[in-house]
Amino acid sequence: MSLVALWAASAPSPSPSQGPSELEVTPGLAGFLATFAVAVACVLLFLSLTRHLRRATRNAQEQGIPVEEPKRIAFGRRPAPQGDAEGGPAGDGEGTADDATEGDGEPGSRG
């Protein structure tokens, strides 16, 4: 009976210490190549979509269909408001710090 007790008390097979540690489990080269392939496919799809949208817009304009221009995001400062803080009209000859930008607030539009 001691042999059965010894057999029952032994460690389960496979022992948890026999497997790889959590630090050793990595996706490896196959995981990198799969991720890289997905990234390349996404870039190519985005470029194709952009080309097809431009072609569709151009064809619509050639056929006389009105197409709205896409809204652009303007970088830089906003144009000066139409009146100053005191309620006076804008452009009364007094220069303020808000008048430092000229034009539409686009970069490189300063004169």
N, C-alpha and C. Protein backbone atom coordinates (compact mmCIF):
# COMPACT_ATOMS: atom_id res chain seq x y z
N MET A 1 0.80 -1.20 0.00
CA MET A 1 0.00 0.00 0.00
C MET A 1 0.84 1.26 0.00
N SER A 2 1.98 1.21 0.49
CA SER A 2 2.82 2.40 0.51
C SER A 2 3.17 2.85 -0.90
N LEU A 3 3.25 1.93 -1.85
CA LEU A 3 3.52 2.29 -3.24
C LEU A 3 2.37 3.10 -3.83
N VAL A 4 1.14 2.75 -3.51
CA VAL A 4 -0.04 3.48 -3.99
C VAL A 4 -0.08 4.86 -3.36
N ALA A 5 0.23 4.97 -2.08
CA ALA A 5 0.24 6.27 -1.41
C ALA A 5 1.32 7.17 -2.00
N LEU A 6 2.48 6.58 -2.30
CA LEU A 6 3.56 7.34 -2.90
C LEU A 6 3.19 7.81 -4.30
N TRP A 7 2.51 6.95 -5.04
CA TRP A 7 2.09 7.30 -6.40
C TRP A 7 1.03 8.42 -6.36
N ALA A 8 0.10 8.37 -5.41
CA ALA A 8 -0.96 9.37 -5.30
C ALA A 8 -0.41 10.71 -4.84
N ALA A 9 0.66 10.70 -4.06
CA ALA A 9 1.22 11.93 -3.53
C ALA A 9 2.18 12.60 -4.51
N SER A 10 2.51 11.96 -5.61
CA SER A 10 3.46 12.56 -6.56
C SER A 10 2.82 13.76 -7.27
N ALA A 11 3.67 14.58 -7.83
CA ALA A 11 3.22 15.79 -8.51
C ALA A 11 2.41 15.43 -9.75
N PRO A 12 1.40 16.24 -10.07
CA PRO A 12 0.62 15.95 -11.27
C PRO A 12 1.49 16.09 -12.52
N SER A 13 1.12 15.37 -13.53
CA SER A 13 1.87 15.42 -14.77
C SER A 13 1.05 16.16 -15.80
N PRO A 14 1.46 17.07 -16.53
CA PRO A 14 2.77 17.72 -16.48
C PRO A 14 2.83 18.74 -15.36
N SER A 15 3.98 18.91 -14.82
CA SER A 15 4.20 19.83 -13.73
C SER A 15 4.18 21.26 -14.27
N PRO A 16 3.58 22.23 -13.55
CA PRO A 16 3.56 23.61 -14.02
C PRO A 16 4.95 24.19 -14.22
N SER A 17 5.95 23.68 -13.55
CA SER A 17 7.29 24.22 -13.70
C SER A 17 7.96 23.74 -14.98
N GLN A 18 7.37 22.76 -15.68
CA GLN A 18 7.97 22.24 -16.89
C GLN A 18 7.66 23.11 -18.11
N GLY A 19 6.57 23.86 -18.10
CA GLY A 19 6.19 24.69 -19.25
C GLY A 19 7.02 25.95 -19.32
N PRO A 20 6.92 26.69 -20.43
CA PRO A 20 7.68 27.95 -20.56
C PRO A 20 7.12 29.00 -19.62
N SER A 21 7.99 29.89 -19.19
CA SER A 21 7.54 30.98 -18.33
C SER A 21 6.77 31.99 -19.17
N GLU A 22 6.08 32.90 -18.49
CA GLU A 22 5.29 33.90 -19.20
C GLU A 22 6.16 34.85 -20.01
N LEU A 23 7.41 35.02 -19.61
CA LEU A 23 8.31 35.91 -20.33
C LEU A 23 8.87 35.27 -21.59
N GLU A 24 8.82 33.95 -21.68
CA GLU A 24 9.36 33.26 -22.84
C GLU A 24 8.36 33.11 -23.97
N VAL A 25 7.10 33.36 -23.70
CA VAL A 25 6.05 33.19 -24.72
C VAL A 25 5.92 34.51 -25.48
N THR A 26 6.34 34.53 -26.73
CA THR A 26 6.27 35.72 -27.57
C THR A 26 5.70 35.33 -28.93
N PRO A 27 5.16 36.28 -29.68
CA PRO A 27 4.63 35.95 -30.99
C PRO A 27 5.72 35.57 -31.99
N GLY A 28 6.92 36.06 -31.79
CA GLY A 28 8.03 35.68 -32.65
C GLY A 28 7.95 36.32 -34.03
N LEU A 29 8.70 35.73 -34.95
CA LEU A 29 8.78 36.25 -36.32
C LEU A 29 7.44 36.14 -37.04
N ALA A 30 6.73 35.04 -36.83
CA ALA A 30 5.44 34.86 -37.50
C ALA A 30 4.45 35.94 -37.09
N GLY A 31 4.41 36.29 -35.80
CA GLY A 31 3.52 37.34 -35.33
C GLY A 31 3.89 38.70 -35.88
N PHE A 32 5.19 38.98 -35.96
CA PHE A 32 5.64 40.25 -36.53
C PHE A 32 5.26 40.35 -38.00
N LEU A 33 5.50 39.28 -38.75
CA LEU A 33 5.19 39.30 -40.18
C LEU A 33 3.68 39.44 -40.42
N ALA A 34 2.88 38.78 -39.59
CA ALA A 34 1.42 38.91 -39.74
C ALA A 34 0.97 40.34 -39.46
N THR A 35 1.49 40.95 -38.40
CA THR A 35 1.13 42.33 -38.07
C THR A 35 1.61 43.29 -39.15
N PHE A 36 2.81 43.08 -39.65
CA PHE A 36 3.35 43.93 -40.71
C PHE A 36 2.51 43.82 -41.98
N ALA A 37 2.09 42.59 -42.32
CA ALA A 37 1.25 42.39 -43.51
C ALA A 37 -0.09 43.10 -43.37
N VAL A 38 -0.69 43.07 -42.19
CA VAL A 38 -1.95 43.76 -41.97
C VAL A 38 -1.76 45.27 -42.10
N ALA A 39 -0.66 45.80 -41.56
CA ALA A 39 -0.39 47.24 -41.65
C ALA A 39 -0.19 47.67 -43.10
N VAL A 40 0.56 46.89 -43.87
CA VAL A 40 0.78 47.22 -45.29
C VAL A 40 -0.54 47.17 -46.05
N ALA A 41 -1.36 46.16 -45.77
CA ALA A 41 -2.66 46.05 -46.44
C ALA A 41 -3.55 47.25 -46.11
N CYS A 42 -3.53 47.72 -44.86
CA CYS A 42 -4.33 48.89 -44.49
C CYS A 42 -3.86 50.14 -45.21
N VAL A 43 -2.57 50.35 -45.30
CA VAL A 43 -2.05 51.53 -46.01
C VAL A 43 -2.47 51.48 -47.48
N LEU A 44 -2.33 50.33 -48.11
CA LEU A 44 -2.72 50.21 -49.51
C LEU A 44 -4.22 50.43 -49.70
N LEU A 45 -5.03 49.93 -48.79
CA LEU A 45 -6.47 50.15 -48.87
C LEU A 45 -6.83 51.62 -48.69
N PHE A 46 -6.16 52.31 -47.77
CA PHE A 46 -6.42 53.74 -47.57
C PHE A 46 -6.05 54.54 -48.81
N LEU A 47 -4.91 54.22 -49.42
CA LEU A 47 -4.51 54.92 -50.64
C LEU A 47 -5.49 54.66 -51.77
N SER A 48 -5.95 53.44 -51.90
CA SER A 48 -6.92 53.10 -52.93
C SER A 48 -8.24 53.83 -52.70
N LEU A 49 -8.68 53.89 -51.45
CA LEU A 49 -9.91 54.60 -51.13
C LEU A 49 -9.80 56.08 -51.48
N THR A 50 -8.68 56.69 -51.15
CA THR A 50 -8.47 58.10 -51.46
C THR A 50 -8.52 58.34 -52.96
N ARG A 51 -7.86 57.47 -53.72
CA ARG A 51 -7.85 57.62 -55.18
C ARG A 51 -9.26 57.47 -55.75
N HIS A 52 -10.03 56.50 -55.26
CA HIS A 52 -11.38 56.31 -55.78
C HIS A 52 -12.31 57.46 -55.38
N LEU A 53 -12.15 58.01 -54.19
CA LEU A 53 -12.97 59.15 -53.81
C LEU A 53 -12.66 60.38 -54.65
N ARG A 54 -11.38 60.60 -54.94
CA ARG A 54 -11.03 61.74 -55.81
C ARG A 54 -11.59 61.55 -57.21
N ARG A 55 -11.51 60.32 -57.72
CA ARG A 55 -12.04 60.04 -59.05
C ARG A 55 -13.56 60.23 -59.08
N ALA A 56 -14.26 59.79 -58.04
CA ALA A 56 -15.72 59.95 -57.99
C ALA A 56 -16.10 61.42 -57.92
N THR A 57 -15.35 62.20 -57.14
CA THR A 57 -15.63 63.64 -57.06
C THR A 57 -15.41 64.32 -58.39
N ARG A 58 -14.30 63.98 -59.06
CA ARG A 58 -14.02 64.58 -60.36
C ARG A 58 -15.09 64.20 -61.39
N ASN A 59 -15.52 62.95 -61.40
CA ASN A 59 -16.57 62.53 -62.35
C ASN A 59 -17.89 63.23 -62.06
N ALA A 60 -18.21 63.42 -60.79
CA ALA A 60 -19.45 64.11 -60.45
C ALA A 60 -19.40 65.56 -60.89
N GLN A 61 -18.26 66.22 -60.72
CA GLN A 61 -18.13 67.60 -61.15
C GLN A 61 -18.20 67.72 -62.66
N GLU A 62 -17.64 66.76 -63.39
CA GLU A 62 -17.70 66.79 -64.85
C GLU A 62 -19.12 66.60 -65.36
N GLN A 63 -19.95 65.88 -64.60
CA GLN A 63 -21.33 65.65 -65.01
C GLN A 63 -22.26 66.75 -64.51
N GLY A 64 -21.74 67.73 -63.82
CA GLY A 64 -22.53 68.87 -63.37
C GLY A 64 -23.25 68.63 -62.06
N ILE A 65 -22.91 67.59 -61.35
CA ILE A 65 -23.52 67.33 -60.05
C ILE A 65 -22.82 68.19 -59.02
N PRO A 66 -23.57 68.97 -58.22
CA PRO A 66 -22.91 69.82 -57.23
C PRO A 66 -22.27 68.97 -56.13
N VAL A 67 -21.02 69.26 -55.85
CA VAL A 67 -20.27 68.54 -54.83
C VAL A 67 -19.76 69.57 -53.83
N GLU A 68 -20.05 69.34 -52.55
CA GLU A 68 -19.57 70.25 -51.51
C GLU A 68 -18.08 70.01 -51.29
N GLU A 69 -17.37 71.09 -51.10
CA GLU A 69 -15.95 70.99 -50.78
C GLU A 69 -15.82 70.48 -49.35
N PRO A 70 -14.84 69.63 -49.08
CA PRO A 70 -14.67 69.15 -47.71
C PRO A 70 -14.23 70.28 -46.80
N LYS A 71 -14.65 70.21 -45.55
CA LYS A 71 -14.26 71.24 -44.58
C LYS A 71 -12.80 71.03 -44.23
N ARG A 72 -12.04 72.08 -44.26
CA ARG A 72 -10.61 72.03 -43.95
C ARG A 72 -10.39 72.48 -42.51
N ILE A 73 -9.42 71.91 -41.89
CA ILE A 73 -9.06 72.31 -40.55
C ILE A 73 -7.97 73.37 -40.67
N ALA A 74 -8.24 74.55 -40.13
CA ALA A 74 -7.28 75.64 -40.20
C ALA A 74 -6.38 75.60 -38.98
N PHE A 75 -5.10 75.66 -39.22
CA PHE A 75 -4.13 75.70 -38.14
C PHE A 75 -3.70 77.14 -37.92
N GLY A 76 -3.31 77.46 -36.74
CA GLY A 76 -2.86 78.81 -36.44
C GLY A 76 -3.92 79.56 -35.66
N ARG A 77 -3.79 80.86 -35.64
CA ARG A 77 -4.71 81.69 -34.88
C ARG A 77 -5.96 81.97 -35.66
N ARG A 78 -7.01 82.20 -34.94
CA ARG A 78 -8.29 82.57 -35.56
C ARG A 78 -8.24 84.03 -35.99
N PRO A 79 -9.02 84.40 -37.00
CA PRO A 79 -9.07 85.81 -37.40
C PRO A 79 -9.63 86.66 -36.27
N ALA A 80 -9.27 87.92 -36.26
CA ALA A 80 -9.72 88.84 -35.23
C ALA A 80 -11.23 88.98 -35.31
N PRO A 81 -11.91 89.12 -34.15
CA PRO A 81 -13.36 89.30 -34.17
C PRO A 81 -13.73 90.63 -34.81
N GLN A 82 -15.00 90.78 -35.16
CA GLN A 82 -15.46 91.97 -35.88
C GLN A 82 -15.56 93.20 -34.99
N GLY A 83 -15.50 93.05 -33.71
CA GLY A 83 -15.53 94.19 -32.80
C GLY A 83 -14.60 93.93 -31.64
N ASP A 84 -14.12 95.00 -31.00
CA ASP A 84 -13.23 94.77 -29.87
C ASP A 84 -14.06 94.54 -28.61
N ALA A 85 -13.41 94.33 -27.49
CA ALA A 85 -14.08 94.00 -26.25
C ALA A 85 -14.96 95.15 -25.74
N GLU A 86 -14.66 96.39 -26.14
CA GLU A 86 -15.42 97.54 -25.68
C GLU A 86 -16.61 97.83 -26.56
N GLY A 87 -16.83 97.02 -27.57
CA GLY A 87 -17.99 97.22 -28.43
C GLY A 87 -17.74 98.16 -29.59
N GLY A 88 -16.52 98.65 -29.75
CA GLY A 88 -16.22 99.55 -30.85
C GLY A 88 -16.04 98.79 -32.14
N PRO A 89 -16.12 99.47 -33.25
CA PRO A 89 -15.96 98.80 -34.54
C PRO A 89 -14.51 98.37 -34.75
N ALA A 90 -14.36 97.29 -35.48
CA ALA A 90 -13.01 96.82 -35.80
C ALA A 90 -12.43 97.68 -36.90
N GLY A 91 -11.12 97.78 -36.94
CA GLY A 91 -10.46 98.53 -38.01
C GLY A 91 -10.49 100.01 -37.79
N ASP A 92 -10.45 100.45 -36.53
CA ASP A 92 -10.49 101.87 -36.28
C ASP A 92 -9.11 102.50 -36.27
N GLY A 93 -8.11 101.78 -36.81
CA GLY A 93 -6.78 102.33 -36.92
C GLY A 93 -5.87 101.98 -35.77
N GLU A 94 -6.41 101.43 -34.69
CA GLU A 94 -5.59 101.06 -33.56
C GLU A 94 -5.17 99.60 -33.70
N GLY A 95 -3.89 99.35 -33.64
CA GLY A 95 -3.41 97.98 -33.74
C GLY A 95 -3.44 97.31 -32.38
N THR A 96 -3.92 96.09 -32.33
CA THR A 96 -3.95 95.32 -31.10
C THR A 96 -3.18 94.03 -31.32
N ALA A 97 -3.01 93.30 -30.25
CA ALA A 97 -2.31 92.02 -30.34
C ALA A 97 -3.10 91.02 -31.18
N ASP A 98 -4.42 91.16 -31.21
CA ASP A 98 -5.24 90.25 -32.02
C ASP A 98 -5.08 90.51 -33.51
N ASP A 99 -4.58 91.67 -33.87
CA ASP A 99 -4.42 92.01 -35.28
C ASP A 99 -3.10 91.53 -35.85
N ALA A 100 -2.37 90.71 -35.09
CA ALA A 100 -1.04 90.27 -35.54
C ALA A 100 -1.13 89.35 -36.75
N THR A 101 -2.25 88.64 -36.91
CA THR A 101 -2.40 87.77 -38.07
C THR A 101 -3.23 88.48 -39.11
N GLU A 102 -2.84 88.30 -40.33
CA GLU A 102 -3.59 88.86 -41.44
C GLU A 102 -4.10 87.72 -42.27
N GLY A 103 -5.16 87.91 -42.98
CA GLY A 103 -5.66 86.87 -43.87
C GLY A 103 -6.64 85.96 -43.14
N ASP A 104 -6.60 84.68 -43.49
CA ASP A 104 -7.59 83.74 -42.99
C ASP A 104 -7.10 82.89 -41.84
N GLY A 105 -5.97 83.22 -41.23
CA GLY A 105 -5.48 82.46 -40.10
C GLY A 105 -4.65 81.25 -40.49
N GLU A 106 -4.40 81.06 -41.77
CA GLU A 106 -3.60 79.94 -42.24
C GLU A 106 -2.13 80.22 -41.98
N PRO A 107 -1.34 79.18 -41.74
CA PRO A 107 0.10 79.40 -41.55
C PRO A 107 0.71 79.99 -42.82
N GLY A 108 1.61 80.89 -42.64
CA GLY A 108 2.26 81.52 -43.78
C GLY A 108 1.46 82.63 -44.42
N SER A 109 0.34 83.02 -43.80
CA SER A 109 -0.50 84.06 -44.38
C SER A 109 -0.17 85.44 -43.85
N ARG A 110 0.85 85.53 -43.00
CA ARG A 110 1.22 86.84 -42.48
C ARG A 110 1.96 87.65 -43.52
N GLY A 111 1.77 88.95 -43.50
CA GLY A 111 2.36 89.78 -44.53
C GLY A 111 3.49 90.56 -44.14
